[in-house]
């Protein structure tokens, strides 16, 4: 979360703002949410919100991430295959839930709102990508993956088809698909 220098955030007020922005996002959709509505629901001034966030997109994405982070824990089973399978399965379950469908809406809105696109890339997608990268790096360090594996490409190989189905084809996204996807990817990246 980005904030300007100065007095530290009041945790209770911050929680209230993030909760209000998330509730409004689910109830009304991104385009209908305004900083005024967030301030009114959180019982704070607009100035308080703007003191801590640069724009509506940033506060809405932080509210979304605050609510979503509990649903997307990072596994550590000791097996890169199991970790990636759990991580990707949890991601798909979240993306296909009511809360997760907000991401699809935000991506659509972001096509016309560069501030929103930047907010969801930096606040949602880059952290998820970093989590997957760390899982792959751990597996690589343990010798579970091919030597000289291109981790960036391997991450795209596994997670790209999920977003392709979500945003382009609309094909089924479920646990069975993730199992097949991860198994197929690991045939090419697993060490012999």
C-alpha atoms as a PDB file:
ATOM      1  CA  UNK A   1       0.000   0.000   0.000  1.00  0.00           C
ATOM      2  CA  UNK A   2       1.312   3.370  -0.905  1.00  0.00           C
ATOM      3  CA  UNK A   3       1.027   6.310   1.375  1.00  0.00           C
ATOM      4  CA  UNK A   4       2.461   9.768   1.638  1.00  0.00           C
ATOM      5  CA  UNK A   5       4.955  10.582   4.342  1.00  0.00           C
ATOM      6  CA  UNK A   6       3.624  12.024   7.533  1.00  0.00           C
ATOM      7  CA  UNK A   7       1.566  10.725  10.368  1.00  0.00           C
ATOM      8  CA  UNK A   8       1.234   6.923  10.431  1.00  0.00           C
ATOM      9  CA  UNK A   9      -2.089   5.430   9.437  1.00  0.00           C
ATOM     10  CA  UNK A  10      -4.643   4.715  12.113  1.00  0.00           C
ATOM     11  CA  UNK A  11      -5.146   0.954  11.777  1.00  0.00           C
ATOM     12  CA  UNK A  12      -8.837   1.114  12.662  1.00  0.00           C
ATOM     13  CA  UNK A  13      -9.491   3.892  10.135  1.00  0.00           C
ATOM     14  CA  UNK A  14      -7.476   2.093   7.465  1.00  0.00           C
ATOM     15  CA  UNK A  15      -9.403  -1.125   8.051  1.00  0.00           C
ATOM     16  CA  UNK A  16     -12.682   0.784   7.810  1.00  0.00           C
ATOM     17  CA  UNK A  17     -11.673   2.378   4.486  1.00  0.00           C
ATOM     18  CA  UNK A  18     -10.471  -0.909   2.982  1.00  0.00           C
ATOM     19  CA  UNK A  19     -13.609  -2.696   4.118  1.00  0.00           C
ATOM     20  CA  UNK A  20     -15.860   0.036   2.724  1.00  0.00           C
ATOM     21  CA  UNK A  21     -14.085   0.043  -0.644  1.00  0.00           C
ATOM     22  CA  UNK A  22     -14.322  -3.747  -0.908  1.00  0.00           C
ATOM     23  CA  UNK A  23     -18.011  -3.861   0.040  1.00  0.00           C
ATOM     24  CA  UNK A  24     -18.846  -1.143  -2.476  1.00  0.00           C
ATOM     25  CA  UNK A  25     -16.823  -2.921  -5.169  1.00  0.00           C
ATOM     26  CA  UNK A  26     -18.809  -6.140  -4.658  1.00  0.00           C
ATOM     27  CA  UNK A  27     -22.146  -4.320  -4.409  1.00  0.00           C
ATOM     28  CA  UNK A  28     -21.802  -1.790  -7.212  1.00  0.00           C
ATOM     29  CA  UNK A  29     -18.817  -2.635  -9.404  1.00  0.00           C
ATOM     30  CA  UNK A  30     -15.692  -0.577  -9.922  1.00  0.00           C
ATOM     31  CA  UNK A  31     -17.147   2.101 -12.172  1.00  0.00           C
ATOM     32  CA  UNK A  32     -19.869   2.995  -9.647  1.00  0.00           C
ATOM     33  CA  UNK A  33     -17.482   3.232  -6.689  1.00  0.00           C
ATOM     34  CA  UNK A  34     -16.303   6.725  -5.853  1.00  0.00           C
ATOM     35  CA  UNK A  35     -13.975   8.089  -3.209  1.00  0.00           C
ATOM     36  CA  UNK A  36     -16.988  10.000  -1.881  1.00  0.00           C
ATOM     37  CA  UNK A  37     -18.965   6.782  -1.393  1.00  0.00           C
ATOM     38  CA  UNK A  38     -15.989   5.066   0.260  1.00  0.00           C
ATOM     39  CA  UNK A  39     -15.514   8.026   2.617  1.00  0.00           C
ATOM     40  CA  UNK A  40     -19.214   8.103   3.465  1.00  0.00           C
ATOM     41  CA  UNK A  41     -19.385   4.374   4.212  1.00  0.00           C
ATOM     42  CA  UNK A  42     -16.109   4.404   6.197  1.00  0.00           C
ATOM     43  CA  UNK A  43     -17.193   7.552   8.050  1.00  0.00           C
ATOM     44  CA  UNK A  44     -14.010   9.416   7.145  1.00  0.00           C
ATOM     45  CA  UNK A  45     -13.211  12.451   5.027  1.00  0.00           C
ATOM     46  CA  UNK A  46     -12.129  12.209   1.398  1.00  0.00           C
ATOM     47  CA  UNK A  47      -8.938  13.977   2.488  1.00  0.00           C
ATOM     48  CA  UNK A  48      -8.108  11.035   4.763  1.00  0.00           C
ATOM     49  CA  UNK A  49      -8.382   8.643   1.835  1.00  0.00           C
ATOM     50  CA  UNK A  50      -6.330  10.870  -0.467  1.00  0.00           C
ATOM     51  CA  UNK A  51      -3.711  11.279   2.243  1.00  0.00           C
ATOM     52  CA  UNK A  52      -3.036   7.528   2.103  1.00  0.00           C
ATOM     53  CA  UNK A  53      -3.924   6.558  -1.486  1.00  0.00           C
ATOM     54  CA  UNK A  54      -3.269   8.459  -4.723  1.00  0.00           C
ATOM     55  CA  UNK A  55      -6.594   7.596  -6.371  1.00  0.00           C
ATOM     56  CA  UNK A  56      -9.749   5.479  -6.317  1.00  0.00           C
ATOM     57  CA  UNK A  57      -8.092   2.572  -8.140  1.00  0.00           C
ATOM     58  CA  UNK A  58      -5.366   2.260  -5.515  1.00  0.00           C
ATOM     59  CA  UNK A  59      -7.722   2.220  -2.527  1.00  0.00           C
ATOM     60  CA  UNK A  60     -10.140  -0.175  -4.239  1.00  0.00           C
ATOM     61  CA  UNK A  61      -7.331  -2.572  -5.185  1.00  0.00           C
ATOM     62  CA  UNK A  62      -5.916  -2.436  -1.652  1.00  0.00           C
ATOM     63  CA  UNK A  63      -9.375  -3.153  -0.253  1.00  0.00           C
ATOM     64  CA  UNK A  64      -9.730  -6.058  -2.658  1.00  0.00           C
ATOM     65  CA  UNK A  65      -6.256  -7.392  -1.807  1.00  0.00           C
ATOM     66  CA  UNK A  66      -6.879  -7.081   1.902  1.00  0.00           C
ATOM     67  CA  UNK A  67      -9.978  -9.264   1.587  1.00  0.00           C
ATOM     68  CA  UNK A  68      -8.448 -11.675  -0.940  1.00  0.00           C
ATOM     69  CA  UNK A  69      -5.094 -12.355   0.725  1.00  0.00           C
ATOM     70  CA  UNK A  70      -6.589 -14.701   3.309  1.00  0.00           C
ATOM     71  CA  UNK A  71      -8.009 -16.883   0.529  1.00  0.00           C
ATOM     72  CA  UNK A  72      -4.680 -17.270  -1.256  1.00  0.00           C
ATOM     73  CA  UNK A  73      -2.107 -18.681   1.194  1.00  0.00           C
ATOM     74  CA  UNK A  74       1.321 -19.640  -0.167  1.00  0.00           C
ATOM     75  CA  UNK A  75       1.914 -23.390   0.352  1.00  0.00           C
ATOM     76  CA  UNK A  76       5.166 -25.004   1.484  1.00  0.00           C
ATOM     77  CA  UNK A  77       4.738 -28.779   1.312  1.00  0.00           C
ATOM     78  CA  UNK A  78       8.353 -29.598   0.481  1.00  0.00           C
ATOM     79  CA  UNK A  79       7.388 -30.505  -3.101  1.00  0.00           C
ATOM     80  CA  UNK A  80       7.377 -27.914  -5.891  1.00  0.00           C
ATOM     81  CA  UNK A  81       4.772 -29.904  -7.804  1.00  0.00           C
ATOM     82  CA  UNK A  82       2.387 -29.993  -4.835  1.00  0.00           C
ATOM     83  CA  UNK A  83       3.070 -26.342  -3.982  1.00  0.00           C
ATOM     84  CA  UNK A  84       2.307 -25.166  -7.528  1.00  0.00           C
ATOM     85  CA  UNK A  85      -0.749 -27.434  -7.752  1.00  0.00           C
ATOM     86  CA  UNK A  86      -2.152 -26.051  -4.485  1.00  0.00           C
ATOM     87  CA  UNK A  87      -1.258 -22.450  -5.404  1.00  0.00           C
ATOM     88  CA  UNK A  88      -2.815 -22.685  -8.885  1.00  0.00           C
ATOM     89  CA  UNK A  89      -5.901 -24.532  -7.583  1.00  0.00           C
ATOM     90  CA  UNK A  90      -6.481 -21.907  -4.881  1.00  0.00           C
ATOM     91  CA  UNK A  91      -6.070 -19.161  -7.476  1.00  0.00           C
ATOM     92  CA  UNK A  92      -8.639 -20.759  -9.809  1.00  0.00           C
ATOM     93  CA  UNK A  93     -11.088 -21.327  -6.964  1.00  0.00           C
ATOM     94  CA  UNK A  94     -10.734 -17.691  -5.990  1.00  0.00           C
ATOM     95  CA  UNK A  95     -10.978 -16.349  -9.549  1.00  0.00           C
ATOM     96  CA  UNK A  96     -14.184 -18.301 -10.158  1.00  0.00           C
ATOM     97  CA  UNK A  97     -15.793 -17.183  -6.877  1.00  0.00           C
ATOM     98  CA  UNK A  98     -18.022 -14.090  -6.650  1.00  0.00           C
ATOM     99  CA  UNK A  99     -15.148 -12.116  -5.149  1.00  0.00           C
ATOM    100  CA  UNK A 100     -12.756 -13.322  -7.811  1.00  0.00           C
ATOM    101  CA  UNK A 101     -14.975 -12.305 -10.692  1.00  0.00           C
ATOM    102  CA  UNK A 102     -14.203  -8.745  -9.618  1.00  0.00           C
ATOM    103  CA  UNK A 103     -10.738  -9.246 -11.133  1.00  0.00           C
ATOM    104  CA  UNK A 104     -12.307  -9.871 -14.548  1.00  0.00           C
ATOM    105  CA  UNK A 105     -14.315  -6.674 -14.183  1.00  0.00           C
ATOM    106  CA  UNK A 106     -11.243  -4.714 -13.091  1.00  0.00           C
ATOM    107  CA  UNK A 107      -9.217  -6.006 -16.053  1.00  0.00           C
ATOM    108  CA  UNK A 108     -12.005  -4.896 -18.384  1.00  0.00           C
ATOM    109  CA  UNK A 109     -12.225  -1.455 -16.766  1.00  0.00           C
ATOM    110  CA  UNK A 110      -8.439  -1.204 -16.839  1.00  0.00           C
ATOM    111  CA  UNK A 111      -8.473  -1.252 -20.635  1.00  0.00           C
ATOM    112  CA  UNK A 112      -9.843   2.304 -20.487  1.00  0.00           C
ATOM    113  CA  UNK A 113      -8.346   3.394 -17.162  1.00  0.00           C
ATOM    114  CA  UNK A 114      -4.527   3.283 -17.094  1.00  0.00           C
ATOM    115  CA  UNK A 115      -4.480   4.082 -13.353  1.00  0.00           C
ATOM    116  CA  UNK A 116      -6.616   1.048 -12.609  1.00  0.00           C
ATOM    117  CA  UNK A 117      -4.538  -1.161 -14.916  1.00  0.00           C
ATOM    118  CA  UNK A 118      -1.387  -0.099 -13.089  1.00  0.00           C
ATOM    119  CA  UNK A 119      -3.062  -0.696  -9.721  1.00  0.00           C
ATOM    120  CA  UNK A 120      -4.185  -4.253 -10.497  1.00  0.00           C
ATOM    121  CA  UNK A 121      -0.859  -5.126 -12.093  1.00  0.00           C
ATOM    122  CA  UNK A 122       1.211  -3.891  -9.156  1.00  0.00           C
ATOM    123  CA  UNK A 123      -1.165  -4.767  -6.315  1.00  0.00           C
ATOM    124  CA  UNK A 124      -2.626  -8.066  -7.532  1.00  0.00           C
ATOM    125  CA  UNK A 125      -0.836  -9.723 -10.441  1.00  0.00           C
ATOM    126  CA  UNK A 126       2.789  -8.953  -9.630  1.00  0.00           C
ATOM    127  CA  UNK A 127       2.500 -10.294  -6.046  1.00  0.00           C
ATOM    128  CA  UNK A 128       0.820 -13.502  -7.302  1.00  0.00           C
ATOM    129  CA  UNK A 129       3.525 -13.891  -9.949  1.00  0.00           C
ATOM    130  CA  UNK A 130       6.237 -13.354  -7.343  1.00  0.00           C
ATOM    131  CA  UNK A 131       4.676 -16.052  -5.148  1.00  0.00           C
ATOM    132  CA  UNK A 132       4.712 -18.536  -8.042  1.00  0.00           C
ATOM    133  CA  UNK A 133       8.271 -17.574  -8.923  1.00  0.00           C
ATOM    134  CA  UNK A 134       9.421 -18.192  -5.341  1.00  0.00           C
ATOM    135  CA  UNK A 135       7.731 -21.596  -5.331  1.00  0.00           C
ATOM    136  CA  UNK A 136       9.551 -22.499  -8.553  1.00  0.00           C
ATOM    137  CA  UNK A 137      12.878 -21.166  -7.250  1.00  0.00           C
ATOM    138  CA  UNK A 138      12.510 -23.268  -4.093  1.00  0.00           C
ATOM    139  CA  UNK A 139      11.873 -26.351  -6.213  1.00  0.00           C
ATOM    140  CA  UNK A 140      14.840 -25.502  -8.398  1.00  0.00           C
ATOM    141  CA  UNK A 141      17.091 -25.153  -5.333  1.00  0.00           C
ATOM    142  CA  UNK A 142      15.968 -28.603  -4.159  1.00  0.00           C
ATOM    143  CA  UNK A 143      16.835 -30.082  -7.556  1.00  0.00           C
ATOM    144  CA  UNK A 144      13.231 -30.919  -8.441  1.00  0.00           C
ATOM    145  CA  UNK A 145      13.264 -28.930 -11.683  1.00  0.00           C
ATOM    146  CA  UNK A 146      15.498 -29.004 -14.751  1.00  0.00           C
ATOM    147  CA  UNK A 147      18.836 -27.258 -14.476  1.00  0.00           C
ATOM    148  CA  UNK A 148      18.916 -23.838 -16.155  1.00  0.00           C
ATOM    149  CA  UNK A 149      15.118 -23.718 -16.130  1.00  0.00           C
ATOM    150  CA  UNK A 150      13.687 -20.396 -17.306  1.00  0.00           C
ATOM    151  CA  UNK A 151      11.484 -19.701 -14.306  1.00  0.00           C
ATOM    152  CA  UNK A 152       9.691 -16.739 -15.926  1.00  0.00           C
ATOM    153  CA  UNK A 153       8.648 -18.782 -18.961  1.00  0.00           C
ATOM    154  CA  UNK A 154       7.723 -21.764 -16.774  1.00  0.00           C
ATOM    155  CA  UNK A 155       5.516 -19.562 -14.616  1.00  0.00           C
ATOM    156  CA  UNK A 156       3.792 -18.221 -17.736  1.00  0.00           C
ATOM    157  CA  UNK A 157       3.440 -21.793 -19.033  1.00  0.00           C
ATOM    158  CA  UNK A 158       1.441 -22.768 -15.941  1.00  0.00           C
ATOM    159  CA  UNK A 159      -0.495 -19.618 -15.069  1.00  0.00           C
ATOM    160  CA  UNK A 160      -1.013 -18.123 -18.543  1.00  0.00           C
ATOM    161  CA  UNK A 161      -3.605 -20.725 -19.634  1.00  0.00           C
ATOM    162  CA  UNK A 162      -5.654 -20.007 -16.505  1.00  0.00           C
ATOM    163  CA  UNK A 163      -6.025 -16.357 -17.440  1.00  0.00           C
ATOM    164  CA  UNK A 164      -6.509 -17.231 -21.108  1.00  0.00           C
ATOM    165  CA  UNK A 165      -9.533 -19.339 -20.179  1.00  0.00           C
ATOM    166  CA  UNK A 166     -10.767 -16.773 -17.678  1.00  0.00           C
ATOM    167  CA  UNK A 167     -10.508 -13.744 -19.964  1.00  0.00           C
ATOM    168  CA  UNK A 168     -10.608 -15.036 -23.541  1.00  0.00           C
ATOM    169  CA  UNK A 169     -12.211 -18.426 -24.146  1.00  0.00           C
ATOM    170  CA  UNK A 170     -14.521 -18.723 -21.133  1.00  0.00           C
ATOM    171  CA  UNK A 171     -13.777 -22.462 -21.068  1.00  0.00           C
ATOM    172  CA  UNK A 172     -14.221 -24.400 -17.850  1.00  0.00           C
ATOM    173  CA  UNK A 173     -11.845 -23.593 -14.982  1.00  0.00           C
ATOM    174  CA  UNK A 174     -11.943 -26.160 -12.191  1.00  0.00           C
ATOM    175  CA  UNK A 175      -9.728 -28.423 -10.082  1.00  0.00           C
ATOM    176  CA  UNK A 176      -9.558 -31.108 -12.798  1.00  0.00           C
ATOM    177  CA  UNK A 177      -8.331 -28.585 -15.369  1.00  0.00           C
ATOM    178  CA  UNK A 178      -5.661 -27.266 -12.992  1.00  0.00           C
ATOM    179  CA  UNK A 179      -4.511 -30.819 -12.206  1.00  0.00           C
ATOM    180  CA  UNK A 180      -4.169 -31.589 -15.923  1.00  0.00           C
ATOM    181  CA  UNK A 181      -2.459 -28.250 -16.642  1.00  0.00           C
ATOM    182  CA  UNK A 182       0.120 -28.563 -13.855  1.00  0.00           C
ATOM    183  CA  UNK A 183       0.804 -32.250 -14.641  1.00  0.00           C
ATOM    184  CA  UNK A 184       1.350 -31.424 -18.316  1.00  0.00           C
ATOM    185  CA  UNK A 185       3.649 -28.496 -17.526  1.00  0.00           C
ATOM    186  CA  UNK A 186       5.713 -30.532 -15.079  1.00  0.00           C
ATOM    187  CA  UNK A 187       6.385 -33.173 -17.745  1.00  0.00           C
ATOM    188  CA  UNK A 188       8.574 -30.578 -19.415  1.00  0.00           C
ATOM    189  CA  UNK A 189      10.110 -28.784 -16.449  1.00  0.00           C
ATOM    190  CA  UNK A 190      10.714 -31.553 -13.903  1.00  0.00           C
ATOM    191  CA  UNK A 191      14.263 -32.806 -13.493  1.00  0.00           C
ATOM    192  CA  UNK A 192      14.845 -36.313 -14.853  1.00  0.00           C
END
